[in-house]
């Protein structure tokens, strides 16, 4: 991967973790992973979501919070 791609991947991981942290603190009958996945569907482009899902399947996925990893699975 190029340096630019690596930087972009890191940014997606960071943003996904921030979004997951926000929803982890909210009360929801559906749960934080579902709320995070809904947010990503609403506000991220298809390319961002596809890259995020792919990242979750690689070693980079270890840097995702549990909620963010669960949200990636829900995006399939």
N, C-alpha and C. Protein backbone atom coordinates (compact mmCIF):
# COMPACT_ATOMS: atom_id res chain seq x y z
N UNK A 1 0.83 -1.18 0.00
CA UNK A 1 0.00 0.00 0.00
C UNK A 1 0.87 1.24 0.00
N UNK A 2 0.34 2.28 -0.55
CA UNK A 2 1.09 3.53 -0.56
C UNK A 2 0.97 4.23 0.78
N UNK A 3 1.86 5.17 0.99
CA UNK A 3 1.81 5.94 2.23
C UNK A 3 0.48 6.68 2.36
N UNK A 4 -0.01 7.24 1.25
CA UNK A 4 -1.29 7.96 1.27
C UNK A 4 -2.42 7.02 1.64
N UNK A 5 -2.41 5.81 1.12
CA UNK A 5 -3.44 4.83 1.44
C UNK A 5 -3.36 4.44 2.90
N UNK A 6 -2.13 4.20 3.38
CA UNK A 6 -1.97 3.85 4.79
C UNK A 6 -2.51 4.96 5.68
N UNK A 7 -2.22 6.20 5.34
CA UNK A 7 -2.72 7.33 6.12
C UNK A 7 -4.25 7.36 6.08
N UNK A 8 -4.82 7.15 4.92
CA UNK A 8 -6.28 7.13 4.78
C UNK A 8 -6.90 6.00 5.57
N UNK A 9 -6.25 4.84 5.55
CA UNK A 9 -6.75 3.70 6.32
C UNK A 9 -6.72 4.02 7.81
N UNK A 10 -5.63 4.61 8.26
CA UNK A 10 -5.53 4.97 9.68
C UNK A 10 -6.62 5.97 10.07
N UNK A 11 -6.90 6.89 9.17
CA UNK A 11 -7.95 7.89 9.44
C UNK A 11 -9.31 7.21 9.54
N UNK A 12 -9.59 6.24 8.68
CA UNK A 12 -10.86 5.52 8.77
C UNK A 12 -10.98 4.76 10.09
N UNK A 13 -9.89 4.14 10.50
CA UNK A 13 -9.89 3.42 11.78
C UNK A 13 -10.16 4.38 12.92
N UNK A 14 -9.47 5.51 12.90
CA UNK A 14 -9.65 6.51 13.94
C UNK A 14 -11.10 7.01 13.98
N UNK A 15 -11.65 7.34 12.81
CA UNK A 15 -13.02 7.86 12.77
C UNK A 15 -14.01 6.79 13.22
N UNK A 16 -13.84 5.56 12.77
CA UNK A 16 -14.75 4.48 13.17
C UNK A 16 -14.71 4.28 14.67
N UNK A 17 -13.53 4.31 15.26
CA UNK A 17 -13.42 4.16 16.72
C UNK A 17 -14.08 5.32 17.45
N UNK A 18 -13.95 6.54 16.93
CA UNK A 18 -14.59 7.69 17.57
C UNK A 18 -16.11 7.57 17.50
N UNK A 19 -16.63 7.18 16.36
CA UNK A 19 -18.07 7.02 16.20
C UNK A 19 -18.57 5.91 17.13
N UNK A 20 -17.85 4.80 17.17
CA UNK A 20 -18.23 3.68 18.04
C UNK A 20 -18.21 4.10 19.51
N UNK A 21 -17.22 4.89 19.90
CA UNK A 21 -17.15 5.38 21.28
C UNK A 21 -18.37 6.24 21.62
N UNK A 22 -18.76 7.10 20.69
CA UNK A 22 -19.94 7.92 20.91
C UNK A 22 -21.17 7.04 21.14
N UNK A 23 -21.40 6.09 20.26
CA UNK A 23 -22.61 5.27 20.36
C UNK A 23 -22.55 4.29 21.52
N UNK A 24 -21.36 3.93 21.96
CA UNK A 24 -21.23 3.07 23.14
C UNK A 24 -21.78 3.80 24.37
N UNK A 25 -21.69 5.11 24.38
CA UNK A 25 -22.17 5.90 25.51
C UNK A 25 -23.65 6.26 25.44
N UNK A 26 -24.31 5.91 24.35
CA UNK A 26 -25.73 6.23 24.19
C UNK A 26 -26.58 5.02 24.58
N UNK A 27 -27.78 5.31 25.03
CA UNK A 27 -28.71 4.22 25.34
C UNK A 27 -29.51 3.92 24.08
N UNK A 28 -29.47 2.68 23.68
CA UNK A 28 -30.18 2.26 22.48
C UNK A 28 -30.57 0.80 22.63
N UNK A 29 -31.81 0.51 22.29
CA UNK A 29 -32.26 -0.88 22.34
C UNK A 29 -31.54 -1.73 21.30
N UNK A 30 -31.11 -1.11 20.24
CA UNK A 30 -30.44 -1.82 19.14
C UNK A 30 -28.97 -2.08 19.44
N UNK A 31 -28.37 -1.32 20.29
CA UNK A 31 -26.97 -1.51 20.66
C UNK A 31 -26.03 -0.60 19.89
N UNK A 32 -24.85 -0.39 20.44
CA UNK A 32 -23.90 0.56 19.85
C UNK A 32 -23.37 0.13 18.48
N UNK A 33 -23.18 -1.16 18.25
CA UNK A 33 -22.66 -1.60 16.95
C UNK A 33 -23.67 -1.31 15.84
N UNK A 34 -24.94 -1.58 16.10
CA UNK A 34 -25.99 -1.31 15.10
C UNK A 34 -26.09 0.19 14.83
N UNK A 35 -26.02 0.98 15.87
CA UNK A 35 -26.10 2.44 15.71
C UNK A 35 -24.89 2.96 14.93
N UNK A 36 -23.72 2.39 15.23
CA UNK A 36 -22.50 2.78 14.52
C UNK A 36 -22.62 2.40 13.04
N UNK A 37 -23.07 1.20 12.76
CA UNK A 37 -23.24 0.77 11.37
C UNK A 37 -24.23 1.66 10.65
N UNK A 38 -25.33 2.03 11.30
CA UNK A 38 -26.31 2.92 10.68
C UNK A 38 -25.69 4.28 10.35
N UNK A 39 -24.88 4.78 11.27
CA UNK A 39 -24.21 6.07 11.04
C UNK A 39 -23.28 5.98 9.83
N UNK A 40 -22.52 4.90 9.76
CA UNK A 40 -21.59 4.73 8.64
C UNK A 40 -22.36 4.61 7.32
N UNK A 41 -23.49 3.92 7.33
CA UNK A 41 -24.31 3.80 6.12
C UNK A 41 -24.84 5.17 5.69
N UNK A 42 -25.18 5.99 6.65
CA UNK A 42 -25.79 7.29 6.35
C UNK A 42 -24.77 8.34 5.92
N UNK A 43 -23.57 8.29 6.48
CA UNK A 43 -22.64 9.41 6.29
C UNK A 43 -21.33 9.06 5.58
N UNK A 44 -20.99 7.81 5.45
CA UNK A 44 -19.77 7.43 4.75
C UNK A 44 -20.12 7.03 3.33
N UNK A 45 -19.21 7.30 2.42
CA UNK A 45 -19.41 6.90 1.04
C UNK A 45 -19.27 5.38 0.93
N UNK A 46 -19.82 4.80 -0.14
CA UNK A 46 -19.64 3.36 -0.33
C UNK A 46 -18.17 2.94 -0.33
N UNK A 47 -17.30 3.74 -0.94
CA UNK A 47 -15.87 3.41 -0.95
C UNK A 47 -15.29 3.38 0.46
N UNK A 48 -15.69 4.34 1.28
CA UNK A 48 -15.21 4.37 2.67
C UNK A 48 -15.68 3.13 3.42
N UNK A 49 -16.95 2.78 3.25
CA UNK A 49 -17.48 1.60 3.93
C UNK A 49 -16.80 0.32 3.45
N UNK A 50 -16.58 0.21 2.14
CA UNK A 50 -15.92 -0.98 1.60
C UNK A 50 -14.49 -1.10 2.14
N UNK A 51 -13.78 0.01 2.18
CA UNK A 51 -12.41 0.00 2.71
C UNK A 51 -12.43 -0.37 4.19
N UNK A 52 -13.35 0.19 4.93
CA UNK A 52 -13.48 -0.09 6.36
C UNK A 52 -13.75 -1.58 6.60
N UNK A 53 -14.68 -2.15 5.85
CA UNK A 53 -14.99 -3.57 6.00
C UNK A 53 -13.76 -4.43 5.69
N UNK A 54 -13.04 -4.06 4.63
CA UNK A 54 -11.83 -4.80 4.27
C UNK A 54 -10.76 -4.67 5.35
N UNK A 55 -10.60 -3.48 5.90
CA UNK A 55 -9.61 -3.26 6.97
C UNK A 55 -9.92 -4.12 8.19
N UNK A 56 -11.20 -4.27 8.49
CA UNK A 56 -11.60 -5.04 9.66
C UNK A 56 -11.18 -6.50 9.54
N UNK A 57 -10.95 -6.96 8.32
CA UNK A 57 -10.55 -8.35 8.06
C UNK A 57 -9.04 -8.54 8.06
N UNK A 58 -8.28 -7.45 8.20
CA UNK A 58 -6.83 -7.53 8.15
C UNK A 58 -6.24 -7.31 9.55
N UNK A 59 -4.92 -7.27 9.61
CA UNK A 59 -4.24 -6.97 10.88
C UNK A 59 -4.65 -5.60 11.41
N UNK A 60 -4.99 -4.68 10.52
CA UNK A 60 -5.42 -3.34 10.94
C UNK A 60 -6.69 -3.42 11.79
N UNK A 61 -7.48 -4.45 11.59
CA UNK A 61 -8.70 -4.62 12.36
C UNK A 61 -8.45 -4.74 13.85
N UNK A 62 -7.25 -5.12 14.23
CA UNK A 62 -6.90 -5.21 15.65
C UNK A 62 -6.91 -3.84 16.32
N UNK A 63 -6.79 -2.78 15.51
CA UNK A 63 -6.80 -1.42 16.06
C UNK A 63 -8.22 -0.85 16.16
N UNK A 64 -9.20 -1.63 15.73
CA UNK A 64 -10.60 -1.20 15.87
C UNK A 64 -11.12 -1.62 17.23
N UNK A 65 -11.97 -0.80 17.80
CA UNK A 65 -12.63 -1.18 19.05
C UNK A 65 -13.57 -2.35 18.76
N UNK A 66 -13.99 -3.02 19.80
CA UNK A 66 -14.93 -4.14 19.63
C UNK A 66 -16.22 -3.68 18.96
N UNK A 67 -16.72 -2.52 19.36
CA UNK A 67 -17.95 -1.99 18.76
C UNK A 67 -17.74 -1.70 17.28
N UNK A 68 -16.61 -1.11 16.91
CA UNK A 68 -16.33 -0.80 15.50
C UNK A 68 -16.20 -2.09 14.69
N UNK A 69 -15.54 -3.11 15.24
CA UNK A 69 -15.43 -4.39 14.54
C UNK A 69 -16.80 -5.02 14.33
N UNK A 70 -17.64 -4.96 15.36
CA UNK A 70 -19.00 -5.51 15.23
C UNK A 70 -19.80 -4.73 14.19
N UNK A 71 -19.60 -3.41 14.13
CA UNK A 71 -20.30 -2.59 13.14
C UNK A 71 -19.84 -2.99 11.73
N UNK A 72 -18.57 -3.28 11.56
CA UNK A 72 -18.07 -3.71 10.24
C UNK A 72 -18.76 -4.99 9.80
N UNK A 73 -18.97 -5.91 10.72
CA UNK A 73 -19.67 -7.15 10.39
C UNK A 73 -21.12 -6.87 9.99
N UNK A 74 -21.74 -5.89 10.63
CA UNK A 74 -23.13 -5.56 10.32
C UNK A 74 -23.29 -4.87 8.97
N UNK A 75 -22.21 -4.31 8.46
CA UNK A 75 -22.27 -3.62 7.17
C UNK A 75 -22.27 -4.60 6.00
N UNK A 76 -22.07 -5.86 6.22
CA UNK A 76 -22.03 -6.85 5.14
C UNK A 76 -23.41 -7.16 4.66
